[in-house]
Amino acid sequence: MNRQLGLRPGDTFWTGVGCIHAFYEVKGGTVLWLETSAPGPPDRHSYRFDRDWEYLAEQLRDQLSAVAG
């Protein structure tokens, strides 16, 4: 089933495990914040690397600088 729902500021949206989903801004504006939450990683054999987040922050800064001119 392909179903589209409209969300507005302040709305809460939930999807179940394994649900394929995507979010799109369709009115020409800018999404200022999209917060997601998921169960935490297992206590063992799971890693979160700061370098990955630093790389993404750098990419975002570069994109914003290019847009700003």
PDB file of N, CA and C in Angstrom:
ATOM      1  N   MET A   1       0.845  -1.182   0.000  1.00  0.00           N
ATOM      2  CA  MET A   1       0.000   0.000   0.000  1.00  0.00           C
ATOM      3  C   MET A   1       0.888   1.242   0.000  1.00  0.00           C
ATOM      4  N   ASN A   2       0.632   2.174  -0.879  1.00  0.00           N
ATOM      5  CA  ASN A   2       1.349   3.442  -0.947  1.00  0.00           C
ATOM      6  C   ASN A   2       0.401   4.522  -0.453  1.00  0.00           C
ATOM      7  N   ARG A   3       0.694   5.073   0.714  1.00  0.00           N
ATOM      8  CA  ARG A   3      -0.201   6.050   1.327  1.00  0.00           C
ATOM      9  C   ARG A   3       0.599   7.283   1.722  1.00  0.00           C
ATOM     10  N   GLN A   4       0.049   8.452   1.432  1.00  0.00           N
ATOM     11  CA  GLN A   4       0.713   9.700   1.800  1.00  0.00           C
ATOM     12  C   GLN A   4      -0.109  10.414   2.855  1.00  0.00           C
ATOM     13  N   LEU A   5       0.582  10.943   3.860  1.00  0.00           N
ATOM     14  CA  LEU A   5      -0.054  11.692   4.934  1.00  0.00           C
ATOM     15  C   LEU A   5       0.594  13.053   5.045  1.00  0.00           C
ATOM     16  N   GLY A   6      -0.177  14.071   5.315  1.00  0.00           N
ATOM     17  CA  GLY A   6       0.370  15.413   5.524  1.00  0.00           C
ATOM     18  C   GLY A   6       0.636  15.656   6.999  1.00  0.00           C
ATOM     19  N   LEU A   7       1.809  16.167   7.306  1.00  0.00           N
ATOM     20  CA  LEU A   7       2.170  16.500   8.680  1.00  0.00           C
ATOM     21  C   LEU A   7       2.363  17.999   8.801  1.00  0.00           C
ATOM     22  N   ARG A   8       2.049  18.538   9.965  1.00  0.00           N
ATOM     23  CA  ARG A   8       2.204  19.966  10.236  1.00  0.00           C
ATOM     24  C   ARG A   8       3.113  20.145  11.451  1.00  0.00           C
ATOM     25  N   PRO A   9       3.643  21.336  11.653  1.00  0.00           N
ATOM     26  CA  PRO A   9       4.491  21.567  12.826  1.00  0.00           C
ATOM     27  C   PRO A   9       3.789  21.104  14.099  1.00  0.00           C
ATOM     28  N   GLY A  10       4.526  20.378  14.908  1.00  0.00           N
ATOM     29  CA  GLY A  10       3.990  19.881  16.163  1.00  0.00           C
ATOM     30  C   GLY A  10       3.365  18.503  16.075  1.00  0.00           C
ATOM     31  N   ASP A  11       3.157  17.993  14.865  1.00  0.00           N
ATOM     32  CA  ASP A  11       2.581  16.661  14.707  1.00  0.00           C
ATOM     33  C   ASP A  11       3.568  15.593  15.160  1.00  0.00           C
ATOM     34  N   THR A  12       3.027  14.486  15.588  1.00  0.00           N
ATOM     35  CA  THR A  12       3.811  13.324  15.962  1.00  0.00           C
ATOM     36  C   THR A  12       3.441  12.194  15.018  1.00  0.00           C
ATOM     37  N   PHE A  13       4.432  11.464  14.557  1.00  0.00           N
ATOM     38  CA  PHE A  13       4.207  10.394  13.588  1.00  0.00           C
ATOM     39  C   PHE A  13       4.960   9.161  14.040  1.00  0.00           C
ATOM     40  N   TRP A  14       4.349   8.006  13.926  1.00  0.00           N
ATOM     41  CA  TRP A  14       4.969   6.760  14.362  1.00  0.00           C
ATOM     42  C   TRP A  14       4.889   5.744  13.249  1.00  0.00           C
ATOM     43  N   THR A  15       5.949   4.977  13.078  1.00  0.00           N
ATOM     44  CA  THR A  15       5.936   3.844  12.147  1.00  0.00           C
ATOM     45  C   THR A  15       6.409   2.616  12.900  1.00  0.00           C
ATOM     46  N   GLY A  16       5.896   1.486  12.510  1.00  0.00           N
ATOM     47  CA  GLY A  16       6.290   0.240  13.146  1.00  0.00           C
ATOM     48  C   GLY A  16       7.610  -0.277  12.596  1.00  0.00           C
ATOM     49  N   VAL A  17       8.158  -1.257  13.259  1.00  0.00           N
ATOM     50  CA  VAL A  17       9.403  -1.890  12.831  1.00  0.00           C
ATOM     51  C   VAL A  17       9.212  -2.458  11.427  1.00  0.00           C
ATOM     52  N   GLY A  18      10.163  -2.162  10.543  1.00  0.00           N
ATOM     53  CA  GLY A  18      10.119  -2.689   9.179  1.00  0.00           C
ATOM     54  C   GLY A  18       9.241  -1.904   8.224  1.00  0.00           C
ATOM     55  N   CYS A  19       8.615  -0.847   8.698  1.00  0.00           N
ATOM     56  CA  CYS A  19       7.751  -0.027   7.837  1.00  0.00           C
ATOM     57  C   CYS A  19       8.627   0.875   6.954  1.00  0.00           C
ATOM     58  N   ILE A  20       8.425   0.810   5.668  1.00  0.00           N
ATOM     59  CA  ILE A  20       9.162   1.679   4.751  1.00  0.00           C
ATOM     60  C   ILE A  20       8.491   3.045   4.772  1.00  0.00           C
ATOM     61  N   HIS A  21       9.280   4.097   4.998  1.00  0.00           N
ATOM     62  CA  HIS A  21       8.714   5.439   5.073  1.00  0.00           C
ATOM     63  C   HIS A  21       9.736   6.470   4.598  1.00  0.00           C
ATOM     64  N   ALA A  22       9.234   7.662   4.282  1.00  0.00           N
ATOM     65  CA  ALA A  22      10.080   8.768   3.847  1.00  0.00           C
ATOM     66  C   ALA A  22       9.379  10.073   4.204  1.00  0.00           C
ATOM     67  N   PHE A  23      10.154  11.136   4.307  1.00  0.00           N
ATOM     68  CA  PHE A  23       9.603  12.454   4.602  1.00  0.00           C
ATOM     69  C   PHE A  23      10.048  13.427   3.517  1.00  0.00           C
ATOM     70  N   TYR A  24       9.122  14.250   3.039  1.00  0.00           N
ATOM     71  CA  TYR A  24       9.415  15.226   1.995  1.00  0.00           C
ATOM     72  C   TYR A  24       8.788  16.559   2.359  1.00  0.00           C
ATOM     73  N   GLU A  25       9.510  17.647   2.145  1.00  0.00           N
ATOM     74  CA  GLU A  25       8.961  18.990   2.274  1.00  0.00           C
ATOM     75  C   GLU A  25       8.463  19.358   0.887  1.00  0.00           C
ATOM     76  N   VAL A  26       7.158  19.581   0.727  1.00  0.00           N
ATOM     77  CA  VAL A  26       6.577  19.742  -0.608  1.00  0.00           C
ATOM     78  C   VAL A  26       6.033  21.140  -0.888  1.00  0.00           C
ATOM     79  N   LYS A  27       6.176  22.062   0.053  1.00  0.00           N
ATOM     80  CA  LYS A  27       5.615  23.408  -0.149  1.00  0.00           C
ATOM     81  C   LYS A  27       6.674  24.465  -0.433  1.00  0.00           C
ATOM     82  N   GLY A  28       7.924  24.034  -0.667  1.00  0.00           N
ATOM     83  CA  GLY A  28       8.964  24.989  -1.009  1.00  0.00           C
ATOM     84  C   GLY A  28       9.634  25.643   0.182  1.00  0.00           C
ATOM     85  N   GLY A  29       9.326  25.188   1.377  1.00  0.00           N
ATOM     86  CA  GLY A  29       9.932  25.754   2.576  1.00  0.00           C
ATOM     87  C   GLY A  29      11.165  24.975   2.990  1.00  0.00           C
ATOM     88  N   THR A  30      11.554  25.194   4.226  1.00  0.00           N
ATOM     89  CA  THR A  30      12.716  24.517   4.783  1.00  0.00           C
ATOM     90  C   THR A  30      12.288  23.760   6.026  1.00  0.00           C
ATOM     91  N   VAL A  31      12.687  22.526   6.123  1.00  0.00           N
ATOM     92  CA  VAL A  31      12.437  21.763   7.341  1.00  0.00           C
ATOM     93  C   VAL A  31      13.467  22.203   8.363  1.00  0.00           C
ATOM     94  N   LEU A  32      12.992  22.707   9.494  1.00  0.00           N
ATOM     95  CA  LEU A  32      13.907  23.203  10.506  1.00  0.00           C
ATOM     96  C   LEU A  32      14.315  22.124  11.492  1.00  0.00           C
ATOM     97  N   TRP A  33      13.452  21.137  11.718  1.00  0.00           N
ATOM     98  CA  TRP A  33      13.772  20.110  12.690  1.00  0.00           C
ATOM     99  C   TRP A  33      12.937  18.883  12.436  1.00  0.00           C
ATOM    100  N   LEU A  34      13.577  17.761  12.392  1.00  0.00           N
ATOM    101  CA  LEU A  34      12.903  16.473  12.303  1.00  0.00           C
ATOM    102  C   LEU A  34      13.593  15.574  13.310  1.00  0.00           C
ATOM    103  N   GLU A  35      12.890  15.237  14.362  1.00  0.00           N
ATOM    104  CA  GLU A  35      13.489  14.420  15.417  1.00  0.00           C
ATOM    105  C   GLU A  35      13.001  12.987  15.294  1.00  0.00           C
ATOM    106  N   THR A  36      13.922  12.077  15.379  1.00  0.00           N
ATOM    107  CA  THR A  36      13.569  10.666  15.319  1.00  0.00           C
ATOM    108  C   THR A  36      14.051   9.979  16.587  1.00  0.00           C
ATOM    109  N   SER A  37      13.424   8.897  16.902  1.00  0.00           N
ATOM    110  CA  SER A  37      13.796   8.129  18.075  1.00  0.00           C
ATOM    111  C   SER A  37      13.702   6.657  17.731  1.00  0.00           C
ATOM    112  N   ALA A  38      14.597   5.901  18.258  1.00  0.00           N
ATOM    113  CA  ALA A  38      14.596   4.464  18.014  1.00  0.00           C
ATOM    114  C   ALA A  38      15.150   3.785  19.257  1.00  0.00           C
ATOM    115  N   PRO A  39      14.889   2.519  19.409  1.00  0.00           N
ATOM    116  CA  PRO A  39      15.506   1.834  20.545  1.00  0.00           C
ATOM    117  C   PRO A  39      17.023   1.996  20.486  1.00  0.00           C
ATOM    118  N   GLY A  40      17.627   2.071  21.638  1.00  0.00           N
ATOM    119  CA  GLY A  40      19.081   2.212  21.694  1.00  0.00           C
ATOM    120  C   GLY A  40      19.783   0.968  21.189  1.00  0.00           C
ATOM    121  N   PRO A  41      21.048   1.111  20.875  1.00  0.00           N
ATOM    122  CA  PRO A  41      21.808  -0.042  20.389  1.00  0.00           C
ATOM    123  C   PRO A  41      22.000  -1.057  21.517  1.00  0.00           C
ATOM    124  N   PRO A  42      22.330  -2.272  21.170  1.00  0.00           N
ATOM    125  CA  PRO A  42      22.593  -3.267  22.215  1.00  0.00           C
ATOM    126  C   PRO A  42      23.808  -2.866  23.048  1.00  0.00           C
ATOM    127  N   ASP A  43      23.893  -3.411  24.243  1.00  0.00           N
ATOM    128  CA  ASP A  43      25.004  -3.078  25.143  1.00  0.00           C
ATOM    129  C   ASP A  43      26.355  -3.529  24.601  1.00  0.00           C
ATOM    130  N   ARG A  44      26.365  -4.585  23.806  1.00  0.00           N
ATOM    131  CA  ARG A  44      27.620  -5.122  23.289  1.00  0.00           C
ATOM    132  C   ARG A  44      27.610  -5.136  21.769  1.00  0.00           C
ATOM    133  N   HIS A  45      28.785  -5.011  21.187  1.00  0.00           N
ATOM    134  CA  HIS A  45      28.981  -5.145  19.740  1.00  0.00           C
ATOM    135  C   HIS A  45      28.226  -4.080  18.939  1.00  0.00           C
ATOM    136  N   SER A  46      28.171  -2.880  19.471  1.00  0.00           N
ATOM    137  CA  SER A  46      27.539  -1.780  18.757  1.00  0.00           C
ATOM    138  C   SER A  46      28.403  -0.538  18.959  1.00  0.00           C
ATOM    139  N   TYR A  47      28.574   0.233  17.907  1.00  0.00           N
ATOM    140  CA  TYR A  47      29.481   1.371  17.977  1.00  0.00           C
ATOM    141  C   TYR A  47      28.853   2.601  17.334  1.00  0.00           C
ATOM    142  N   ARG A  48      29.134   3.749  17.923  1.00  0.00           N
ATOM    143  CA  ARG A  48      28.741   5.032  17.339  1.00  0.00           C
ATOM    144  C   ARG A  48      30.006   5.879  17.305  1.00  0.00           C
ATOM    145  N   PHE A  49      30.400   6.284  16.124  1.00  0.00           N
ATOM    146  CA  PHE A  49      31.659   6.989  15.974  1.00  0.00           C
ATOM    147  C   PHE A  49      31.434   8.488  15.794  1.00  0.00           C
ATOM    148  N   ASP A  50      32.112   9.291  16.621  1.00  0.00           N
ATOM    149  CA  ASP A  50      32.013  10.749  16.505  1.00  0.00           C
ATOM    150  C   ASP A  50      32.455  11.219  15.132  1.00  0.00           C
ATOM    151  N   ARG A  51      33.437  10.533  14.530  1.00  0.00           N
ATOM    152  CA  ARG A  51      33.940  10.986  13.229  1.00  0.00           C
ATOM    153  C   ARG A  51      32.824  10.992  12.180  1.00  0.00           C
ATOM    154  N   ASP A  52      31.873  10.062  12.275  1.00  0.00           N
ATOM    155  CA  ASP A  52      30.763  10.043  11.316  1.00  0.00           C
ATOM    156  C   ASP A  52      29.909  11.295  11.462  1.00  0.00           C
ATOM    157  N   TRP A  53      29.593  11.691  12.699  1.00  0.00           N
ATOM    158  CA  TRP A  53      28.782  12.879  12.930  1.00  0.00           C
ATOM    159  C   TRP A  53      29.550  14.143  12.559  1.00  0.00           C
ATOM    160  N   GLU A  54      30.853  14.156  12.826  1.00  0.00           N
ATOM    161  CA  GLU A  54      31.668  15.312  12.448  1.00  0.00           C
ATOM    162  C   GLU A  54      31.700  15.467  10.933  1.00  0.00           C
ATOM    163  N   TYR A  55      31.822  14.349  10.213  1.00  0.00           N
ATOM    164  CA  TYR A  55      31.810  14.379   8.747  1.00  0.00           C
ATOM    165  C   TYR A  55      30.478  14.933   8.245  1.00  0.00           C
ATOM    166  N   LEU A  56      29.370  14.469   8.795  1.00  0.00           N
ATOM    167  CA  LEU A  56      28.059  14.954   8.359  1.00  0.00           C
ATOM    168  C   LEU A  56      27.883  16.439   8.667  1.00  0.00           C
ATOM    169  N   ALA A  57      28.364  16.886   9.821  1.00  0.00           N
ATOM    170  CA  ALA A  57      28.281  18.309  10.167  1.00  0.00           C
ATOM    171  C   ALA A  57      29.093  19.149   9.182  1.00  0.00           C
ATOM    172  N   GLU A  58      30.268  18.664   8.805  1.00  0.00           N
ATOM    173  CA  GLU A  58      31.101  19.370   7.831  1.00  0.00           C
ATOM    174  C   GLU A  58      30.405  19.450   6.471  1.00  0.00           C
ATOM    175  N   GLN A  59      29.798  18.361   6.044  1.00  0.00           N
ATOM    176  CA  GLN A  59      29.086  18.345   4.767  1.00  0.00           C
ATOM    177  C   GLN A  59      27.935  19.347   4.781  1.00  0.00           C
ATOM    178  N   LEU A  60      27.209  19.401   5.895  1.00  0.00           N
ATOM    179  CA  LEU A  60      26.105  20.336   6.008  1.00  0.00           C
ATOM    180  C   LEU A  60      26.599  21.781   5.987  1.00  0.00           C
ATOM    181  N   ARG A  61      27.698  22.064   6.705  1.00  0.00           N
ATOM    182  CA  ARG A  61      28.271  23.414   6.674  1.00  0.00           C
ATOM    183  C   ARG A  61      28.665  23.811   5.261  1.00  0.00           C
ATOM    184  N   ASP A  62      29.288  22.894   4.520  1.00  0.00           N
ATOM    185  CA  ASP A  62      29.701  23.180   3.158  1.00  0.00           C
ATOM    186  C   ASP A  62      28.492  23.478   2.264  1.00  0.00           C
ATOM    187  N   GLN A  63      27.437  22.703   2.430  1.00  0.00           N
ATOM    188  CA  GLN A  63      26.229  22.909   1.615  1.00  0.00           C
ATOM    189  C   GLN A  63      25.578  24.248   1.955  1.00  0.00           C
ATOM    190  N   LEU A  64      25.505  24.573   3.243  1.00  0.00           N
ATOM    191  CA  LEU A  64      24.907  25.848   3.643  1.00  0.00           C
ATOM    192  C   LEU A  64      25.739  27.030   3.156  1.00  0.00           C
ATOM    193  N   SER A  65      27.066  26.893   3.187  1.00  0.00           N
ATOM    194  CA  SER A  65      27.943  27.950   2.682  1.00  0.00           C
ATOM    195  C   SER A  65      27.741  28.155   1.179  1.00  0.00           C
ATOM    196  N   ALA A  66      27.586  27.056   0.445  1.00  0.00           N
ATOM    197  CA  ALA A  66      27.375  27.161  -1.002  1.00  0.00           C
ATOM    198  C   ALA A  66      26.056  27.832  -1.321  1.00  0.00           C
ATOM    199  N   VAL A  67      25.023  27.555  -0.538  1.00  0.00           N
ATOM    200  CA  VAL A  67      23.705  28.161  -0.771  1.00  0.00           C
ATOM    201  C   VAL A  67      23.733  29.638  -0.417  1.00  0.00           C
ATOM    202  N   ALA A  68      24.433  29.981   0.680  1.00  0.00           N
ATOM    203  CA  ALA A  68      24.498  31.372   1.131  1.00  0.00           C
ATOM    204  C   ALA A  68      25.320  32.242   0.184  1.00  0.00           C
ATOM    205  N   GLY A  69      26.191  31.598  -0.588  1.00  0.00           N
ATOM    206  CA  GLY A  69      26.986  32.345  -1.561  1.00  0.00           C
ATOM    207  C   GLY A  69      28.247  32.813  -0.980  1.00  0.00           C
TER     208      GLY A  69
END
